Amino acid sequence: MVITRLTQGKKNKNRANIYLDGQYSFSISLDNLVSFSLKTGDELTEEKLSEIKNVEGYLRAYDRALTFISYRKRSEKEVKDKLNSLEFEEDVVEKTIARLKKNSFIDDVDFTLSWIVDRNRLKPTSRKILFMELLAKGIQKSIIENELAGISDEEELENAKKVAAKKRTSLKNDPEKIKKYLYSKGYSWDVAKEVAQNNDE
């Protein structure tokens, strides 16, 4: 395969389009174009082409991952799922995840703590629901349990009161309905009962 044409990207001026044997083949960053010393007339073996595409894939994956985590903190699983959905090669995904972790861009312990704090600040919920949410994010059970241990029984009770307060009207201030509602939201029967009884007083 011979590079028969090189053109600058129309949308992204920092990329170049490479044509092999007269047909468009792939695009490459200008940095990698220089790094691989590519120019018109060069012959590329299958092995060399694979190496170039692998490096390019890794850079694109890392860039997409950084964009993905720029909106909010993400768990390792969330980032991995995102990259897989974009159909990056498995080795590229693993290499990208490793670099993100090394640079502290993803950290499941930090993510877990932030999730708990933000969730209870914006929309209080039970430890059980938090556990299930974090488990769905791919967080290890041991990490979740360790961070949830920071929520005291008193805080759990206060959160239950806040949750119940938002539903009192629709539940018609009925202690039994409040108790069942809180239980369905992951609060223990004792907590649900205490909140319902206090509401009835």
Protein backbone atom coordinates (compact mmCIF):
# COMPACT_ATOMS: atom_id res chain seq x y z
CA MET A 1 0.00 0.00 0.00
CA VAL A 2 1.32 3.40 -1.00
CA ILE A 3 0.36 6.82 0.34
CA THR A 4 -0.85 8.58 -2.79
CA ARG A 5 -2.32 11.70 -1.22
CA LEU A 6 -2.30 13.74 2.00
CA THR A 7 -4.85 16.47 2.70
CA GLN A 8 -5.62 18.65 5.70
CA GLY A 9 -8.86 17.89 7.53
CA LYS A 10 -11.73 20.21 6.61
CA LYS A 11 -13.45 20.25 10.01
CA ASN A 12 -10.35 19.72 12.13
CA LYS A 13 -7.27 21.49 10.82
CA ASN A 14 -5.11 19.52 13.26
CA ARG A 15 -5.76 16.28 11.38
CA ALA A 16 -4.74 14.97 7.99
CA ASN A 17 -6.53 12.60 5.63
CA ILE A 18 -4.45 9.78 4.21
CA TYR A 19 -5.20 8.15 0.85
CA LEU A 20 -3.75 4.73 0.07
CA ASP A 21 -3.54 3.51 -3.51
CA GLY A 22 -5.76 6.36 -4.65
CA GLN A 23 -8.54 5.87 -2.09
CA TYR A 24 -9.24 7.52 1.27
CA SER A 25 -8.08 5.22 4.06
CA PHE A 26 -8.03 7.03 7.42
CA SER A 27 -7.31 10.31 9.21
CA ILE A 28 -4.42 11.00 11.54
CA SER A 29 -3.39 13.80 13.90
CA LEU A 30 -0.69 16.12 12.58
CA ASP A 31 1.47 15.18 15.57
CA ASN A 32 1.34 11.51 14.61
CA LEU A 33 1.85 12.36 10.95
CA VAL A 34 5.15 13.94 11.95
CA SER A 35 5.93 11.26 14.53
CA PHE A 36 5.58 8.48 11.95
CA SER A 37 7.29 10.65 9.29
CA LEU A 38 4.52 9.92 6.80
CA LYS A 39 4.61 11.51 3.36
CA THR A 40 3.28 10.97 -0.13
CA GLY A 41 5.00 8.05 -1.83
CA ASP A 42 5.67 6.09 1.37
CA GLU A 43 4.80 2.41 1.29
CA LEU A 44 2.96 1.03 4.32
CA THR A 45 2.96 -2.61 5.34
CA GLU A 46 -0.09 -4.13 7.03
CA GLU A 47 1.91 -4.22 10.26
CA LYS A 48 2.83 -0.54 10.05
CA LEU A 49 -0.73 0.46 9.17
CA SER A 50 -2.04 -1.50 12.15
CA GLU A 51 0.47 0.22 14.45
CA ILE A 52 -0.54 3.68 13.22
CA LYS A 53 -4.25 2.98 13.59
CA ASN A 54 -3.72 1.57 17.08
CA VAL A 55 -1.90 4.71 18.22
CA GLU A 56 -4.56 6.89 16.62
CA GLY A 57 -7.33 4.85 18.21
CA TYR A 58 -5.76 5.25 21.64
CA LEU A 59 -5.48 9.03 21.27
CA ARG A 60 -9.08 9.32 20.07
CA ALA A 61 -10.30 7.12 22.91
CA TYR A 62 -8.43 9.18 25.50
CA ASP A 63 -9.82 12.40 24.04
CA ARG A 64 -13.38 11.04 24.04
CA ALA A 65 -12.97 9.83 27.61
CA LEU A 66 -11.77 13.25 28.79
CA THR A 67 -14.79 14.87 27.15
CA PHE A 68 -17.10 12.31 28.78
CA ILE A 69 -15.76 12.95 32.29
CA SER A 70 -15.71 16.73 31.85
CA TYR A 71 -19.46 16.98 32.53
CA ARG A 72 -19.36 15.17 35.88
CA LYS A 73 -17.34 12.57 37.74
CA ARG A 74 -17.63 9.07 36.29
CA SER A 75 -16.94 5.60 37.60
CA GLU A 76 -14.46 3.36 35.84
CA LYS A 77 -17.33 1.21 34.54
CA GLU A 78 -19.15 4.23 33.10
CA VAL A 79 -16.08 5.32 31.14
CA LYS A 80 -15.37 1.79 29.96
CA ASP A 81 -18.97 1.30 28.85
CA LYS A 82 -18.86 4.60 26.97
CA LEU A 83 -15.68 3.68 25.10
CA ASN A 84 -17.03 0.22 24.30
CA SER A 85 -20.20 1.80 22.91
CA LEU A 86 -17.98 3.82 20.56
CA GLU A 87 -16.49 0.51 19.38
CA PHE A 88 -12.87 1.08 20.35
CA GLU A 89 -10.68 -2.02 20.44
CA GLU A 90 -10.51 -3.78 23.82
CA ASP A 91 -6.78 -3.18 24.26
CA VAL A 92 -7.26 0.51 23.43
CA VAL A 93 -10.01 0.78 26.06
CA GLU A 94 -7.88 -0.91 28.72
CA LYS A 95 -4.88 1.28 27.93
CA THR A 96 -7.06 4.40 28.08
CA ILE A 97 -8.58 3.41 31.43
CA ALA A 98 -5.12 2.73 32.86
CA ARG A 99 -3.89 6.19 31.82
CA LEU A 100 -6.99 7.91 33.21
CA LYS A 101 -6.52 6.15 36.56
CA LYS A 102 -2.81 6.97 36.64
CA ASN A 103 -3.62 10.66 36.10
CA SER A 104 -6.41 10.50 38.73
CA PHE A 105 -9.11 11.41 36.21
CA ILE A 106 -11.14 8.41 37.38
CA ASP A 107 -11.11 7.13 40.94
CA ASP A 108 -13.94 4.90 42.16
CA VAL A 109 -13.41 5.78 45.83
CA ASP A 110 -13.60 9.50 45.11
CA PHE A 111 -16.56 8.93 42.78
CA THR A 112 -18.43 6.99 45.48
CA LEU A 113 -17.95 9.67 48.11
CA SER A 114 -19.02 12.43 45.71
CA TRP A 115 -22.08 10.44 44.63
CA ILE A 116 -23.21 9.97 48.24
CA VAL A 117 -22.65 13.62 49.20
CA ASP A 118 -24.31 15.06 46.08
CA ARG A 119 -27.21 12.60 46.17
CA ASN A 120 -28.08 13.38 49.77
CA ARG A 121 -27.65 17.11 49.22
CA LEU A 122 -29.88 17.29 46.15
CA LYS A 123 -32.25 14.37 46.64
CA PRO A 124 -31.87 12.51 49.96
CA THR A 125 -32.32 8.77 49.86
CA SER A 126 -31.61 5.68 51.93
CA ARG A 127 -28.32 3.86 52.33
CA LYS A 128 -29.89 0.85 50.63
CA ILE A 129 -30.81 2.84 47.51
CA LEU A 130 -27.37 4.44 47.44
CA PHE A 131 -25.82 0.99 47.65
CA MET A 132 -27.86 -0.25 44.68
CA GLU A 133 -27.14 2.86 42.61
CA LEU A 134 -23.39 2.62 43.17
CA LEU A 135 -23.39 -1.11 42.53
CA ALA A 136 -25.02 -0.37 39.15
CA LYS A 137 -22.17 2.07 38.46
CA GLY A 138 -19.72 -0.80 38.80
CA ILE A 139 -18.32 0.20 42.19
CA GLN A 140 -16.86 -2.62 44.27
CA LYS A 141 -19.03 -3.73 47.18
CA SER A 142 -16.22 -3.14 49.70
CA ILE A 143 -15.79 0.48 48.55
CA ILE A 144 -19.52 1.17 48.80
CA GLU A 145 -19.82 -0.35 52.26
CA ASN A 146 -16.81 1.59 53.50
CA GLU A 147 -18.15 4.95 52.29
CA LEU A 148 -21.74 4.30 53.38
CA ALA A 149 -20.43 3.62 56.88
CA GLY A 150 -19.93 7.37 57.08
CA ILE A 151 -23.70 7.90 57.13
CA SER A 152 -24.82 7.65 60.75
CA ASP A 153 -28.17 6.28 61.90
CA GLU A 154 -29.14 9.84 62.84
CA GLU A 155 -28.42 11.06 59.30
CA GLU A 156 -30.38 8.15 57.86
CA LEU A 157 -33.34 9.11 60.04
CA GLU A 158 -33.11 12.78 59.03
CA ASN A 159 -33.00 11.82 55.36
CA ALA A 160 -36.09 9.66 55.84
CA LYS A 161 -37.90 12.62 57.39
CA LYS A 162 -37.02 14.78 54.38
CA VAL A 163 -38.22 12.10 51.97
CA ALA A 164 -41.48 11.69 53.89
CA ALA A 165 -42.04 15.45 54.10
CA LYS A 166 -42.16 15.71 50.31
CA LYS A 167 -44.82 12.99 50.14
CA ARG A 168 -47.05 13.87 53.10
CA THR A 169 -49.69 15.61 51.00
CA SER A 170 -50.00 12.85 48.41
CA LEU A 171 -49.99 10.25 51.18
CA LYS A 172 -52.64 12.26 53.05
CA ASN A 173 -50.52 12.29 56.22
CA ASP A 174 -51.50 8.67 56.74
CA PRO A 175 -48.87 7.09 59.07
CA GLU A 176 -49.38 3.64 57.59
CA LYS A 177 -48.92 4.89 54.03
CA ILE A 178 -45.87 6.93 55.03
CA LYS A 179 -44.37 3.90 56.73
CA LYS A 180 -44.91 1.66 53.70
CA TYR A 181 -43.61 4.34 51.33
CA LEU A 182 -40.37 4.81 53.26
CA TYR A 183 -39.88 1.07 53.48
CA SER A 184 -40.28 0.83 49.70
CA LYS A 185 -37.54 3.46 49.40
CA GLY A 186 -35.02 1.32 51.21
CA TYR A 187 -35.37 2.56 54.77
CA SER A 188 -35.50 0.00 57.56
CA TRP A 189 -38.87 -0.80 59.08
CA ASP A 190 -37.76 0.78 62.39
CA VAL A 191 -36.79 4.06 60.69
CA ALA A 192 -39.99 4.12 58.63
CA LYS A 193 -42.05 3.42 61.75
CA GLU A 194 -40.36 6.17 63.79
CA VAL A 195 -40.87 8.79 61.06
CA ALA A 196 -44.51 7.77 60.60
CA GLN A 197 -45.20 7.87 64.34
CA ASN A 198 -43.60 11.30 64.75
CA ASN A 199 -45.70 12.54 61.86
CA ASP A 200 -48.82 11.31 63.61
CA GLU A 201 -48.03 13.15 66.85
